[in-house]
Amino acid sequence: MRERLLANGRERSADHVPDVKFFNPFGQGVWLATELNPDGDILFGLADLGYPELGSFSLEELASIHLPFGMGIERDILFQTDVSISVWAEVARQAGSIRGAERLLYARHRSDDAHNRNSVDTQNRKA
């Protein structure tokens, strides 16, 4: 994952797909990262601390956040997407948050999957 983020950082003009999601398990705070600077600390992506915006944030700073019960900012190990960061940013702004965008994009993905399955079923019936 780190190598993909570094490689993406060398292609700054591309509209990358987020490779990693960090979140605050106790409340506000979600970060989607697409690029990592060669310094190994500064990430680029979409950050949401009350309003989603594209920009840079520090991995070190995320790691230094201390939450209740000895917890910290977590990495969502199940996060996967094929949606570019610009689409995430647009949908998150419309929805008001990255979490809202996740619900919309997930619903859209499920709808697309259902449509594709129905198309395949229709084609199979015709065959």
N, C-alpha and C. Protein backbone atom coordinates (compact mmCIF):
# COMPACT_ATOMS: atom_id res chain seq x y z
N MET A 1 0.82 -1.18 0.00
CA MET A 1 0.00 0.00 0.00
C MET A 1 0.88 1.26 0.00
N ARG A 2 1.91 1.24 0.83
CA ARG A 2 2.84 2.38 0.90
C ARG A 2 3.49 2.63 -0.45
N GLU A 3 3.88 1.55 -1.15
CA GLU A 3 4.51 1.70 -2.46
C GLU A 3 3.55 2.30 -3.49
N ARG A 4 2.28 1.89 -3.44
CA ARG A 4 1.28 2.47 -4.36
C ARG A 4 1.10 3.96 -4.08
N LEU A 5 1.03 4.32 -2.80
CA LEU A 5 0.88 5.73 -2.43
C LEU A 5 2.08 6.55 -2.88
N LEU A 6 3.28 6.00 -2.71
CA LEU A 6 4.49 6.70 -3.17
C LEU A 6 4.50 6.83 -4.69
N ALA A 7 4.12 5.76 -5.39
CA ALA A 7 4.06 5.81 -6.86
C ALA A 7 3.05 6.85 -7.32
N ASN A 8 1.90 6.89 -6.67
CA ASN A 8 0.90 7.90 -7.00
C ASN A 8 1.43 9.30 -6.75
N GLY A 9 2.24 9.45 -5.71
CA GLY A 9 2.83 10.75 -5.39
C GLY A 9 3.76 11.25 -6.48
N ARG A 10 4.31 10.33 -7.26
CA ARG A 10 5.18 10.72 -8.37
C ARG A 10 4.37 11.13 -9.60
N GLU A 11 3.07 10.83 -9.60
CA GLU A 11 2.17 11.19 -10.70
C GLU A 11 1.08 12.11 -10.17
N ARG A 12 1.46 13.27 -9.73
CA ARG A 12 0.52 14.18 -9.07
C ARG A 12 -0.61 14.68 -9.96
N SER A 13 -0.44 14.67 -11.26
CA SER A 13 -1.48 15.21 -12.14
C SER A 13 -2.63 14.21 -12.37
N ALA A 14 -2.45 12.97 -11.99
CA ALA A 14 -3.47 11.94 -12.21
C ALA A 14 -4.58 12.03 -11.16
N ASP A 15 -5.75 11.56 -11.53
CA ASP A 15 -6.90 11.50 -10.63
C ASP A 15 -6.95 10.11 -10.03
N HIS A 16 -6.17 9.89 -8.98
CA HIS A 16 -5.98 8.56 -8.39
C HIS A 16 -7.21 8.09 -7.61
N VAL A 17 -7.28 6.80 -7.43
CA VAL A 17 -8.26 6.16 -6.57
C VAL A 17 -7.66 6.09 -5.17
N PRO A 18 -8.42 6.41 -4.13
CA PRO A 18 -7.87 6.30 -2.77
C PRO A 18 -7.42 4.87 -2.46
N ASP A 19 -6.26 4.76 -1.85
CA ASP A 19 -5.71 3.45 -1.46
C ASP A 19 -5.95 3.13 0.00
N VAL A 20 -6.19 4.16 0.80
CA VAL A 20 -6.34 3.92 2.23
C VAL A 20 -7.35 4.89 2.83
N LYS A 21 -8.07 4.38 3.82
CA LYS A 21 -9.03 5.20 4.57
C LYS A 21 -8.66 5.13 6.05
N PHE A 22 -8.56 6.31 6.66
CA PHE A 22 -8.37 6.42 8.10
C PHE A 22 -9.64 7.03 8.67
N PHE A 23 -9.97 6.68 9.93
CA PHE A 23 -11.17 7.25 10.53
C PHE A 23 -11.04 7.31 12.05
N ASN A 24 -11.83 8.21 12.63
CA ASN A 24 -11.93 8.33 14.07
C ASN A 24 -13.08 7.42 14.50
N PRO A 25 -12.81 6.36 15.26
CA PRO A 25 -13.87 5.43 15.64
C PRO A 25 -14.87 6.02 16.64
N PHE A 26 -14.56 7.21 17.19
CA PHE A 26 -15.44 7.80 18.19
C PHE A 26 -16.20 9.02 17.69
N GLY A 27 -16.01 9.40 16.44
CA GLY A 27 -16.72 10.59 15.98
C GLY A 27 -16.18 11.11 14.67
N GLN A 28 -16.19 12.42 14.58
CA GLN A 28 -15.82 13.08 13.35
C GLN A 28 -14.37 12.87 12.97
N GLY A 29 -14.13 12.73 11.70
CA GLY A 29 -12.78 12.59 11.19
C GLY A 29 -12.63 11.37 10.30
N VAL A 30 -12.54 11.64 8.97
CA VAL A 30 -12.32 10.58 7.99
C VAL A 30 -11.32 11.14 6.98
N TRP A 31 -10.35 10.32 6.59
CA TRP A 31 -9.33 10.72 5.63
C TRP A 31 -9.18 9.63 4.58
N LEU A 32 -9.22 10.01 3.30
CA LEU A 32 -8.96 9.09 2.20
C LEU A 32 -7.67 9.55 1.54
N ALA A 33 -6.68 8.69 1.47
CA ALA A 33 -5.37 9.07 0.92
C ALA A 33 -5.13 8.42 -0.43
N THR A 34 -4.58 9.24 -1.35
CA THR A 34 -4.24 8.74 -2.68
C THR A 34 -2.75 8.78 -2.95
N GLU A 35 -2.03 9.66 -2.24
CA GLU A 35 -0.61 9.88 -2.53
C GLU A 35 0.17 10.05 -1.23
N LEU A 36 1.45 9.68 -1.29
CA LEU A 36 2.37 9.88 -0.17
C LEU A 36 3.62 10.55 -0.71
N ASN A 37 4.02 11.63 -0.04
CA ASN A 37 5.27 12.31 -0.41
C ASN A 37 6.46 11.41 -0.10
N PRO A 38 7.59 11.65 -0.77
CA PRO A 38 8.80 10.85 -0.50
C PRO A 38 9.26 10.94 0.95
N ASP A 39 8.85 11.97 1.69
CA ASP A 39 9.24 12.10 3.10
C ASP A 39 8.59 11.04 3.98
N GLY A 40 7.59 10.31 3.43
CA GLY A 40 6.94 9.24 4.19
C GLY A 40 5.93 9.73 5.20
N ASP A 41 5.65 11.04 5.22
CA ASP A 41 4.73 11.59 6.21
C ASP A 41 3.52 12.29 5.59
N ILE A 42 3.72 13.10 4.60
CA ILE A 42 2.64 13.92 4.07
C ILE A 42 1.84 13.15 3.01
N LEU A 43 0.57 12.99 3.30
CA LEU A 43 -0.37 12.32 2.41
C LEU A 43 -1.22 13.36 1.70
N PHE A 44 -1.70 13.02 0.52
CA PHE A 44 -2.67 13.86 -0.17
C PHE A 44 -3.95 13.06 -0.34
N GLY A 45 -5.08 13.73 -0.20
CA GLY A 45 -6.35 13.06 -0.41
C GLY A 45 -7.50 13.93 0.03
N LEU A 46 -8.55 13.29 0.46
CA LEU A 46 -9.77 13.95 0.90
C LEU A 46 -9.86 13.81 2.41
N ALA A 47 -9.98 14.94 3.09
CA ALA A 47 -10.08 14.94 4.55
C ALA A 47 -11.43 15.52 4.95
N ASP A 48 -12.04 14.97 5.98
CA ASP A 48 -13.34 15.43 6.45
C ASP A 48 -13.32 15.56 7.97
N LEU A 49 -13.20 16.80 8.41
CA LEU A 49 -13.26 17.09 9.85
C LEU A 49 -14.48 17.97 10.14
N GLY A 50 -15.52 17.77 9.36
CA GLY A 50 -16.72 18.57 9.47
C GLY A 50 -17.15 19.09 8.11
N TYR A 51 -16.21 19.14 7.19
CA TYR A 51 -16.50 19.48 5.80
C TYR A 51 -15.43 18.83 4.94
N PRO A 52 -15.83 18.06 3.93
CA PRO A 52 -14.83 17.37 3.11
C PRO A 52 -14.07 18.32 2.19
N GLU A 53 -12.74 18.20 2.19
CA GLU A 53 -11.93 19.01 1.29
C GLU A 53 -10.66 18.27 0.91
N LEU A 54 -10.23 18.51 -0.34
CA LEU A 54 -8.99 17.95 -0.84
C LEU A 54 -7.82 18.70 -0.25
N GLY A 55 -6.76 17.99 0.09
CA GLY A 55 -5.57 18.63 0.61
C GLY A 55 -4.58 17.63 1.16
N SER A 56 -3.60 18.16 1.86
CA SER A 56 -2.54 17.34 2.44
C SER A 56 -2.73 17.22 3.94
N PHE A 57 -2.29 16.08 4.48
CA PHE A 57 -2.35 15.86 5.92
C PHE A 57 -1.19 14.96 6.31
N SER A 58 -0.85 15.02 7.58
CA SER A 58 0.33 14.33 8.09
C SER A 58 -0.03 12.98 8.71
N LEU A 59 0.64 11.95 8.25
CA LEU A 59 0.48 10.62 8.82
C LEU A 59 0.93 10.62 10.28
N GLU A 60 2.02 11.33 10.55
CA GLU A 60 2.51 11.43 11.94
C GLU A 60 1.47 12.06 12.85
N GLU A 61 0.83 13.13 12.37
CA GLU A 61 -0.19 13.78 13.18
C GLU A 61 -1.37 12.86 13.43
N LEU A 62 -1.79 12.13 12.41
CA LEU A 62 -2.88 11.17 12.60
C LEU A 62 -2.51 10.13 13.66
N ALA A 63 -1.28 9.64 13.58
CA ALA A 63 -0.81 8.63 14.53
C ALA A 63 -0.68 9.17 15.95
N SER A 64 -0.51 10.49 16.08
CA SER A 64 -0.31 11.08 17.41
C SER A 64 -1.62 11.42 18.12
N ILE A 65 -2.75 11.24 17.45
CA ILE A 65 -4.04 11.57 18.06
C ILE A 65 -4.41 10.48 19.06
N HIS A 66 -4.66 10.91 20.29
CA HIS A 66 -5.03 9.98 21.37
C HIS A 66 -6.51 10.14 21.68
N LEU A 67 -7.22 9.06 21.57
CA LEU A 67 -8.66 9.03 21.79
C LEU A 67 -8.96 8.28 23.09
N PRO A 68 -10.22 8.33 23.55
CA PRO A 68 -10.57 7.60 24.78
C PRO A 68 -10.23 6.11 24.68
N PHE A 69 -10.04 5.52 25.86
CA PHE A 69 -9.78 4.09 26.00
C PHE A 69 -8.49 3.64 25.32
N GLY A 70 -7.53 4.54 25.19
CA GLY A 70 -6.24 4.22 24.59
C GLY A 70 -6.29 4.00 23.08
N MET A 71 -7.36 4.41 22.46
CA MET A 71 -7.51 4.21 21.02
C MET A 71 -6.93 5.40 20.27
N GLY A 72 -6.80 5.23 18.97
CA GLY A 72 -6.31 6.28 18.09
C GLY A 72 -7.06 6.25 16.78
N ILE A 73 -6.59 7.00 15.84
CA ILE A 73 -7.17 6.98 14.50
C ILE A 73 -6.90 5.59 13.91
N GLU A 74 -7.91 5.02 13.29
CA GLU A 74 -7.83 3.66 12.77
C GLU A 74 -7.74 3.66 11.25
N ARG A 75 -7.17 2.60 10.71
CA ARG A 75 -7.20 2.36 9.27
C ARG A 75 -8.30 1.36 8.98
N ASP A 76 -9.15 1.68 8.03
CA ASP A 76 -10.24 0.79 7.65
C ASP A 76 -9.66 -0.31 6.76
N ILE A 77 -9.43 -1.47 7.33
CA ILE A 77 -8.78 -2.56 6.59
C ILE A 77 -9.69 -3.17 5.52
N LEU A 78 -10.99 -2.88 5.58
CA LEU A 78 -11.93 -3.42 4.58
C LEU A 78 -12.20 -2.43 3.45
N PHE A 79 -11.65 -1.24 3.54
CA PHE A 79 -11.92 -0.21 2.53
C PHE A 79 -11.37 -0.60 1.17
N GLN A 80 -12.24 -0.54 0.17
CA GLN A 80 -11.86 -0.76 -1.22
C GLN A 80 -12.74 0.14 -2.07
N THR A 81 -12.16 0.70 -3.10
CA THR A 81 -12.94 1.52 -4.02
C THR A 81 -12.30 1.49 -5.39
N ASP A 82 -13.11 1.75 -6.39
CA ASP A 82 -12.59 1.94 -7.73
C ASP A 82 -13.00 3.32 -8.24
N VAL A 83 -13.40 4.19 -7.31
CA VAL A 83 -13.86 5.54 -7.61
C VAL A 83 -12.72 6.52 -7.37
N SER A 84 -12.50 7.41 -8.34
CA SER A 84 -11.39 8.37 -8.22
C SER A 84 -11.64 9.39 -7.11
N ILE A 85 -10.57 10.01 -6.67
CA ILE A 85 -10.65 10.98 -5.57
C ILE A 85 -11.50 12.19 -5.95
N SER A 86 -11.49 12.58 -7.22
CA SER A 86 -12.32 13.74 -7.62
C SER A 86 -13.81 13.41 -7.49
N VAL A 87 -14.19 12.17 -7.81
CA VAL A 87 -15.59 11.76 -7.65
C VAL A 87 -15.94 11.68 -6.17
N TRP A 88 -15.04 11.11 -5.36
CA TRP A 88 -15.25 11.07 -3.91
C TRP A 88 -15.48 12.49 -3.38
N ALA A 89 -14.63 13.44 -3.81
CA ALA A 89 -14.75 14.82 -3.33
C ALA A 89 -16.09 15.43 -3.71
N GLU A 90 -16.49 15.22 -4.96
CA GLU A 90 -17.76 15.78 -5.43
C GLU A 90 -18.95 15.20 -4.68
N VAL A 91 -18.98 13.87 -4.55
CA VAL A 91 -20.09 13.21 -3.87
C VAL A 91 -20.09 13.57 -2.38
N ALA A 92 -18.91 13.65 -1.77
CA ALA A 92 -18.81 14.00 -0.35
C ALA A 92 -19.32 15.43 -0.10
N ARG A 93 -19.00 16.34 -0.99
CA ARG A 93 -19.50 17.71 -0.84
C ARG A 93 -21.02 17.74 -0.97
N GLN A 94 -21.55 16.99 -1.93
CA GLN A 94 -23.00 16.93 -2.10
C GLN A 94 -23.68 16.30 -0.89
N ALA A 95 -23.07 15.24 -0.36
CA ALA A 95 -23.64 14.52 0.78
C ALA A 95 -23.35 15.21 2.11
N GLY A 96 -22.34 16.08 2.13
CA GLY A 96 -21.98 16.77 3.36
C GLY A 96 -20.89 16.09 4.16
N SER A 97 -20.46 14.91 3.73
CA SER A 97 -19.41 14.19 4.46
C SER A 97 -18.90 13.01 3.64
N ILE A 98 -17.73 12.52 4.01
CA ILE A 98 -17.20 11.31 3.37
C ILE A 98 -18.09 10.12 3.72
N ARG A 99 -18.55 10.06 4.96
CA ARG A 99 -19.41 8.93 5.36
C ARG A 99 -20.72 8.93 4.56
N GLY A 100 -21.27 10.12 4.32
CA GLY A 100 -22.47 10.22 3.47
C GLY A 100 -22.17 9.79 2.06
N ALA A 101 -20.99 10.17 1.56
CA ALA A 101 -20.58 9.77 0.20
C ALA A 101 -20.44 8.26 0.12
N GLU A 102 -19.91 7.65 1.17
CA GLU A 102 -19.78 6.18 1.17
C GLU A 102 -21.13 5.51 1.00
N ARG A 103 -22.13 6.02 1.72
CA ARG A 103 -23.47 5.43 1.60
C ARG A 103 -24.00 5.58 0.17
N LEU A 104 -23.83 6.77 -0.41
CA LEU A 104 -24.32 7.01 -1.78
C LEU A 104 -23.56 6.16 -2.80
N LEU A 105 -22.24 6.15 -2.69
CA LEU A 105 -21.44 5.39 -3.65
C LEU A 105 -21.66 3.89 -3.50
N TYR A 106 -21.83 3.42 -2.26
CA TYR A 106 -22.11 2.00 -2.04
C TYR A 106 -23.47 1.64 -2.64
N ALA A 107 -24.48 2.49 -2.42
CA ALA A 107 -25.80 2.24 -2.98
C ALA A 107 -25.75 2.25 -4.51
N ARG A 108 -24.98 3.18 -5.09
CA ARG A 108 -24.84 3.25 -6.55
C ARG A 108 -24.16 1.97 -7.06
N HIS A 109 -23.12 1.53 -6.35
CA HIS A 109 -22.39 0.32 -6.74
C HIS A 109 -23.32 -0.90 -6.71
N ARG A 110 -24.11 -1.01 -5.64
CA ARG A 110 -25.05 -2.14 -5.52
C ARG A 110 -26.09 -2.08 -6.63
N SER A 111 -26.56 -0.87 -6.95
CA SER A 111 -27.53 -0.71 -8.03
C SER A 111 -26.93 -1.11 -9.37
N ASP A 112 -25.67 -0.69 -9.62
CA ASP A 112 -24.97 -1.06 -10.85
C ASP A 112 -24.79 -2.57 -10.93
N ASP A 113 -24.42 -3.20 -9.79
CA ASP A 113 -24.25 -4.65 -9.77
C ASP A 113 -25.56 -5.36 -10.09
N ALA A 114 -26.65 -4.87 -9.50
CA ALA A 114 -27.96 -5.48 -9.74
C ALA A 114 -28.34 -5.31 -11.21
N HIS A 115 -28.09 -4.14 -11.77
CA HIS A 115 -28.39 -3.89 -13.18
C HIS A 115 -27.57 -4.83 -14.07
N ASN A 116 -26.29 -4.98 -13.75
CA ASN A 116 -25.41 -5.88 -14.53
C ASN A 116 -25.88 -7.32 -14.44
N ARG A 117 -26.28 -7.76 -13.24
CA ARG A 117 -26.79 -9.13 -13.08
C ARG A 117 -28.06 -9.32 -13.89
N ASN A 118 -28.95 -8.32 -13.86
CA ASN A 118 -30.19 -8.42 -14.64
C ASN A 118 -29.91 -8.47 -16.13
N SER A 119 -28.94 -7.69 -16.59
CA SER A 119 -28.57 -7.70 -18.01
C SER A 119 -28.03 -9.06 -18.42
N VAL A 120 -27.20 -9.65 -17.59
CA VAL A 120 -26.64 -10.97 -17.87
C VAL A 120 -27.75 -12.01 -17.88
N ASP A 121 -28.68 -11.93 -16.89
CA ASP A 121 -29.81 -12.86 -16.85
C ASP A 121 -30.65 -12.75 -18.12
N THR A 122 -30.92 -11.52 -18.56
CA THR A 122 -31.72 -11.29 -19.77
C THR A 122 -31.00 -11.87 -20.98
N GLN A 123 -29.69 -11.65 -21.08
CA GLN A 123 -28.92 -12.17 -22.20
C GLN A 123 -28.92 -13.69 -22.18
N ASN A 124 -28.79 -14.27 -21.00
CA ASN A 124 -28.78 -15.74 -20.88
C ASN A 124 -30.13 -16.32 -21.30
N ARG A 125 -31.22 -15.64 -20.95
CA ARG A 125 -32.54 -16.13 -21.32
C ARG A 125 -32.74 -16.07 -22.83
N LYS A 126 -32.18 -15.04 -23.47
CA LYS A 126 -32.30 -14.88 -24.92
C LYS A 126 -31.47 -15.94 -25.65
N ALA A 127 -30.40 -16.37 -25.03
CA ALA A 127 -29.50 -17.34 -25.67
C ALA A 127 -30.07 -18.69 -25.60
